[in-house]
Amino acid sequence: MFLAHKLIATKFLLTGAVFFTAGALLATAVLSDPKCRDKLKECSEKLRNGPKNT
């Protein structure tokens, strides 16, 4: 029973490490490309300003 809990906890830790690594790699790729960076800035401005009903 204790071994099963250890295996499940290890699986959670490894899955979290994989997702963290993939997210860091994706963030690095997005921030290193100037075109993607500009699109990301435009998108964040749209989200920050909200919809305009004029």
PDB file of N, CA and C in Angstrom:
ATOM      1  N   MET A   1       0.832  -1.195   0.000  1.00  0.00           N
ATOM      2  CA  MET A   1       0.000   0.000   0.000  1.00  0.00           C
ATOM      3  C   MET A   1       0.874   1.256   0.000  1.00  0.00           C
ATOM      4  N   PHE A   2       1.903   1.243   0.857  1.00  0.00           N
ATOM      5  CA  PHE A   2       2.792   2.401   0.935  1.00  0.00           C
ATOM      6  C   PHE A   2       3.554   2.577  -0.374  1.00  0.00           C
ATOM      7  N   LEU A   3       3.923   1.453  -1.008  1.00  0.00           N
ATOM      8  CA  LEU A   3       4.639   1.515  -2.280  1.00  0.00           C
ATOM      9  C   LEU A   3       3.766   2.138  -3.365  1.00  0.00           C
ATOM     10  N   ALA A   4       2.487   1.812  -3.369  1.00  0.00           N
ATOM     11  CA  ALA A   4       1.570   2.390  -4.351  1.00  0.00           C
ATOM     12  C   ALA A   4       1.475   3.899  -4.171  1.00  0.00           C
ATOM     13  N   HIS A   5       1.438   4.379  -2.945  1.00  0.00           N
ATOM     14  CA  HIS A   5       1.377   5.822  -2.688  1.00  0.00           C
ATOM     15  C   HIS A   5       2.659   6.504  -3.155  1.00  0.00           C
ATOM     16  N   LYS A   6       3.789   5.848  -2.946  1.00  0.00           N
ATOM     17  CA  LYS A   6       5.062   6.409  -3.399  1.00  0.00           C
ATOM     18  C   LYS A   6       5.098   6.503  -4.928  1.00  0.00           C
ATOM     19  N   LEU A   7       4.599   5.475  -5.598  1.00  0.00           N
ATOM     20  CA  LEU A   7       4.588   5.480  -7.053  1.00  0.00           C
ATOM     21  C   LEU A   7       3.671   6.573  -7.601  1.00  0.00           C
ATOM     22  N   ILE A   8       2.530   6.738  -6.993  1.00  0.00           N
ATOM     23  CA  ILE A   8       1.592   7.773  -7.428  1.00  0.00           C
ATOM     24  C   ILE A   8       2.187   9.155  -7.201  1.00  0.00           C
ATOM     25  N   ALA A   9       2.815   9.371  -6.053  1.00  0.00           N
ATOM     26  CA  ALA A   9       3.440  10.661  -5.766  1.00  0.00           C
ATOM     27  C   ALA A   9       4.581  10.938  -6.741  1.00  0.00           C
ATOM     28  N   THR A  10       5.352   9.924  -7.062  1.00  0.00           N
ATOM     29  CA  THR A  10       6.440  10.085  -8.029  1.00  0.00           C
ATOM     30  C   THR A  10       5.900  10.437  -9.392  1.00  0.00           C
ATOM     31  N   LYS A  11       4.813   9.805  -9.777  1.00  0.00           N
ATOM     32  CA  LYS A  11       4.197  10.099 -11.077  1.00  0.00           C
ATOM     33  C   LYS A  11       3.727  11.552 -11.116  1.00  0.00           C
ATOM     34  N   PHE A  12       3.117  12.040 -10.047  1.00  0.00           N
ATOM     35  CA  PHE A  12       2.676  13.437  -9.991  1.00  0.00           C
ATOM     36  C   PHE A  12       3.853  14.394 -10.104  1.00  0.00           C
ATOM     37  N   LEU A  13       4.927  14.090  -9.399  1.00  0.00           N
ATOM     38  CA  LEU A  13       6.107  14.955  -9.442  1.00  0.00           C
ATOM     39  C   LEU A  13       6.729  14.983 -10.831  1.00  0.00           C
ATOM     40  N   LEU A  14       6.845  13.836 -11.462  1.00  0.00           N
ATOM     41  CA  LEU A  14       7.420  13.788 -12.800  1.00  0.00           C
ATOM     42  C   LEU A  14       6.532  14.489 -13.829  1.00  0.00           C
ATOM     43  N   THR A  15       5.227  14.325 -13.705  1.00  0.00           N
ATOM     44  CA  THR A  15       4.309  15.001 -14.614  1.00  0.00           C
ATOM     45  C   THR A  15       4.412  16.511 -14.442  1.00  0.00           C
ATOM     46  N   GLY A  16       4.489  16.971 -13.205  1.00  0.00           N
ATOM     47  CA  GLY A  16       4.648  18.401 -12.954  1.00  0.00           C
ATOM     48  C   GLY A  16       5.948  18.935 -13.517  1.00  0.00           C
ATOM     49  N   ALA A  17       7.018  18.172 -13.388  1.00  0.00           N
ATOM     50  CA  ALA A  17       8.309  18.594 -13.928  1.00  0.00           C
ATOM     51  C   ALA A  17       8.266  18.680 -15.447  1.00  0.00           C
ATOM     52  N   VAL A  18       7.595  17.735 -16.083  1.00  0.00           N
ATOM     53  CA  VAL A  18       7.485  17.754 -17.544  1.00  0.00           C
ATOM     54  C   VAL A  18       6.681  18.970 -17.991  1.00  0.00           C
ATOM     55  N   PHE A  19       5.557  19.252 -17.337  1.00  0.00           N
ATOM     56  CA  PHE A  19       4.749  20.405 -17.720  1.00  0.00           C
ATOM     57  C   PHE A  19       5.475  21.716 -17.454  1.00  0.00           C
ATOM     58  N   PHE A  20       6.226  21.793 -16.363  1.00  0.00           N
ATOM     59  CA  PHE A  20       6.997  22.994 -16.065  1.00  0.00           C
ATOM     60  C   PHE A  20       8.065  23.220 -17.132  1.00  0.00           C
ATOM     61  N   THR A  21       8.756  22.169 -17.524  1.00  0.00           N
ATOM     62  CA  THR A  21       9.792  22.281 -18.544  1.00  0.00           C
ATOM     63  C   THR A  21       9.195  22.693 -19.884  1.00  0.00           C
ATOM     64  N   ALA A  22       8.075  22.101 -20.255  1.00  0.00           N
ATOM     65  CA  ALA A  22       7.430  22.459 -21.518  1.00  0.00           C
ATOM     66  C   ALA A  22       6.957  23.910 -21.492  1.00  0.00           C
ATOM     67  N   GLY A  23       6.410  24.352 -20.381  1.00  0.00           N
ATOM     68  CA  GLY A  23       5.959  25.739 -20.270  1.00  0.00           C
ATOM     69  C   GLY A  23       7.108  26.722 -20.328  1.00  0.00           C
ATOM     70  N   ALA A  24       8.214  26.404 -19.671  1.00  0.00           N
ATOM     71  CA  ALA A  24       9.386  27.281 -19.708  1.00  0.00           C
ATOM     72  C   ALA A  24       9.959  27.345 -21.122  1.00  0.00           C
ATOM     73  N   LEU A  25       9.987  26.214 -21.811  1.00  0.00           N
ATOM     74  CA  LEU A  25      10.484  26.184 -23.180  1.00  0.00           C
ATOM     75  C   LEU A  25       9.588  26.999 -24.105  1.00  0.00           C
ATOM     76  N   LEU A  26       8.290  26.875 -23.934  1.00  0.00           N
ATOM     77  CA  LEU A  26       7.346  27.630 -24.750  1.00  0.00           C
ATOM     78  C   LEU A  26       7.462  29.127 -24.481  1.00  0.00           C
ATOM     79  N   ALA A  27       7.583  29.508 -23.224  1.00  0.00           N
ATOM     80  CA  ALA A  27       7.730  30.925 -22.878  1.00  0.00           C
ATOM     81  C   ALA A  27       9.016  31.498 -23.456  1.00  0.00           C
ATOM     82  N   THR A  28      10.089  30.734 -23.415  1.00  0.00           N
ATOM     83  CA  THR A  28      11.355  31.189 -23.983  1.00  0.00           C
ATOM     84  C   THR A  28      11.240  31.365 -25.490  1.00  0.00           C
ATOM     85  N   ALA A  29      10.575  30.442 -26.149  1.00  0.00           N
ATOM     86  CA  ALA A  29      10.412  30.532 -27.603  1.00  0.00           C
ATOM     87  C   ALA A  29       9.567  31.744 -27.981  1.00  0.00           C
ATOM     88  N   VAL A  30       8.508  31.993 -27.229  1.00  0.00           N
ATOM     89  CA  VAL A  30       7.628  33.124 -27.537  1.00  0.00           C
ATOM     90  C   VAL A  30       8.342  34.447 -27.297  1.00  0.00           C
ATOM     91  N   LEU A  31       9.050  34.553 -26.198  1.00  0.00           N
ATOM     92  CA  LEU A  31       9.701  35.816 -25.869  1.00  0.00           C
ATOM     93  C   LEU A  31      10.942  36.086 -26.711  1.00  0.00           C
ATOM     94  N   SER A  32      11.525  35.064 -27.323  1.00  0.00           N
ATOM     95  CA  SER A  32      12.710  35.286 -28.146  1.00  0.00           C
ATOM     96  C   SER A  32      12.350  35.725 -29.566  1.00  0.00           C
ATOM     97  N   ASP A  33      11.133  35.468 -30.021  1.00  0.00           N
ATOM     98  CA  ASP A  33      10.713  35.857 -31.363  1.00  0.00           C
ATOM     99  C   ASP A  33      10.071  37.239 -31.309  1.00  0.00           C
ATOM    100  N   PRO A  34      10.607  38.250 -32.008  1.00  0.00           N
ATOM    101  CA  PRO A  34      10.061  39.610 -31.933  1.00  0.00           C
ATOM    102  C   PRO A  34       8.605  39.712 -32.395  1.00  0.00           C
ATOM    103  N   LYS A  35       8.241  38.972 -33.444  1.00  0.00           N
ATOM    104  CA  LYS A  35       6.860  39.032 -33.940  1.00  0.00           C
ATOM    105  C   LYS A  35       5.887  38.469 -32.906  1.00  0.00           C
ATOM    106  N   CYS A  36       6.259  37.362 -32.294  1.00  0.00           N
ATOM    107  CA  CYS A  36       5.404  36.766 -31.259  1.00  0.00           C
ATOM    108  C   CYS A  36       5.302  37.698 -30.054  1.00  0.00           C
ATOM    109  N   ARG A  37       6.407  38.348 -29.720  1.00  0.00           N
ATOM    110  CA  ARG A  37       6.405  39.256 -28.576  1.00  0.00           C
ATOM    111  C   ARG A  37       5.446  40.419 -28.824  1.00  0.00           C
ATOM    112  N   ASP A  38       5.458  40.966 -30.044  1.00  0.00           N
ATOM    113  CA  ASP A  38       4.553  42.066 -30.365  1.00  0.00           C
ATOM    114  C   ASP A  38       3.098  41.617 -30.327  1.00  0.00           C
ATOM    115  N   LYS A  39       2.818  40.426 -30.854  1.00  0.00           N
ATOM    116  CA  LYS A  39       1.453  39.901 -30.813  1.00  0.00           C
ATOM    117  C   LYS A  39       1.003  39.660 -29.374  1.00  0.00           C
ATOM    118  N   LEU A  40       1.930  39.197 -28.539  1.00  0.00           N
ATOM    119  CA  LEU A  40       1.608  38.963 -27.132  1.00  0.00           C
ATOM    120  C   LEU A  40       1.302  40.276 -26.425  1.00  0.00           C
ATOM    121  N   LYS A  41       2.051  41.333 -26.752  1.00  0.00           N
ATOM    122  CA  LYS A  41       1.783  42.651 -26.166  1.00  0.00           C
ATOM    123  C   LYS A  41       0.418  43.174 -26.596  1.00  0.00           C
ATOM    124  N   GLU A  42       0.091  43.029 -27.889  1.00  0.00           N
ATOM    125  CA  GLU A  42      -1.214  43.480 -28.380  1.00  0.00           C
ATOM    126  C   GLU A  42      -2.344  42.721 -27.682  1.00  0.00           C
ATOM    127  N   CYS A  43      -2.173  41.425 -27.540  1.00  0.00           N
ATOM    128  CA  CYS A  43      -3.205  40.608 -26.894  1.00  0.00           C
ATOM    129  C   CYS A  43      -3.375  41.003 -25.429  1.00  0.00           C
ATOM    130  N   SER A  44      -2.267  41.243 -24.728  1.00  0.00           N
ATOM    131  CA  SER A  44      -2.371  41.633 -23.325  1.00  0.00           C
ATOM    132  C   SER A  44      -3.022  43.008 -23.179  1.00  0.00           C
ATOM    133  N   GLU A  45      -2.765  43.920 -24.130  1.00  0.00           N
ATOM    134  CA  GLU A  45      -3.423  45.233 -24.083  1.00  0.00           C
ATOM    135  C   GLU A  45      -4.920  45.094 -24.303  1.00  0.00           C
ATOM    136  N   LYS A  46      -5.309  44.218 -25.229  1.00  0.00           N
ATOM    137  CA  LYS A  46      -6.738  43.992 -25.465  1.00  0.00           C
ATOM    138  C   LYS A  46      -7.411  43.428 -24.217  1.00  0.00           C
ATOM    139  N   LEU A  47      -6.739  42.483 -23.561  1.00  0.00           N
ATOM    140  CA  LEU A  47      -7.321  41.900 -22.348  1.00  0.00           C
ATOM    141  C   LEU A  47      -7.381  42.913 -21.215  1.00  0.00           C
ATOM    142  N   ARG A  48      -6.357  43.759 -21.128  1.00  0.00           N
ATOM    143  CA  ARG A  48      -6.311  44.740 -20.054  1.00  0.00           C
ATOM    144  C   ARG A  48      -7.368  45.821 -20.247  1.00  0.00           C
ATOM    145  N   ASN A  49      -7.562  46.288 -21.476  1.00  0.00           N
ATOM    146  CA  ASN A  49      -8.498  47.374 -21.756  1.00  0.00           C
ATOM    147  C   ASN A  49      -9.951  46.889 -21.791  1.00  0.00           C
ATOM    148  N   GLY A  50     -10.168  45.659 -22.085  1.00  0.00           N
ATOM    149  CA  GLY A  50     -11.532  45.134 -22.136  1.00  0.00           C
ATOM    150  C   GLY A  50     -12.224  45.502 -23.424  1.00  0.00           C
ATOM    151  N   PRO A  51     -13.453  45.054 -23.590  1.00  0.00           N
ATOM    152  CA  PRO A  51     -14.190  45.362 -24.819  1.00  0.00           C
ATOM    153  C   PRO A  51     -14.620  46.832 -24.851  1.00  0.00           C
ATOM    154  N   LYS A  52     -14.608  47.382 -26.047  1.00  0.00           N
ATOM    155  CA  LYS A  52     -15.026  48.777 -26.221  1.00  0.00           C
ATOM    156  C   LYS A  52     -16.355  48.779 -26.969  1.00  0.00           C
ATOM    157  N   ASN A  53     -17.347  49.343 -26.347  1.00  0.00           N
ATOM    158  CA  ASN A  53     -18.693  49.392 -26.955  1.00  0.00           C
ATOM    159  C   ASN A  53     -18.988  50.788 -27.456  1.00  0.00           C
ATOM    160  N   THR A  54     -18.161  51.286 -28.357  1.00  0.00           N
ATOM    161  CA  THR A  54     -18.402  52.627 -28.905  1.00  0.00           C
ATOM    162  C   THR A  54     -18.715  52.568 -30.368  1.00  0.00           C
TER     163      THR A  54
END
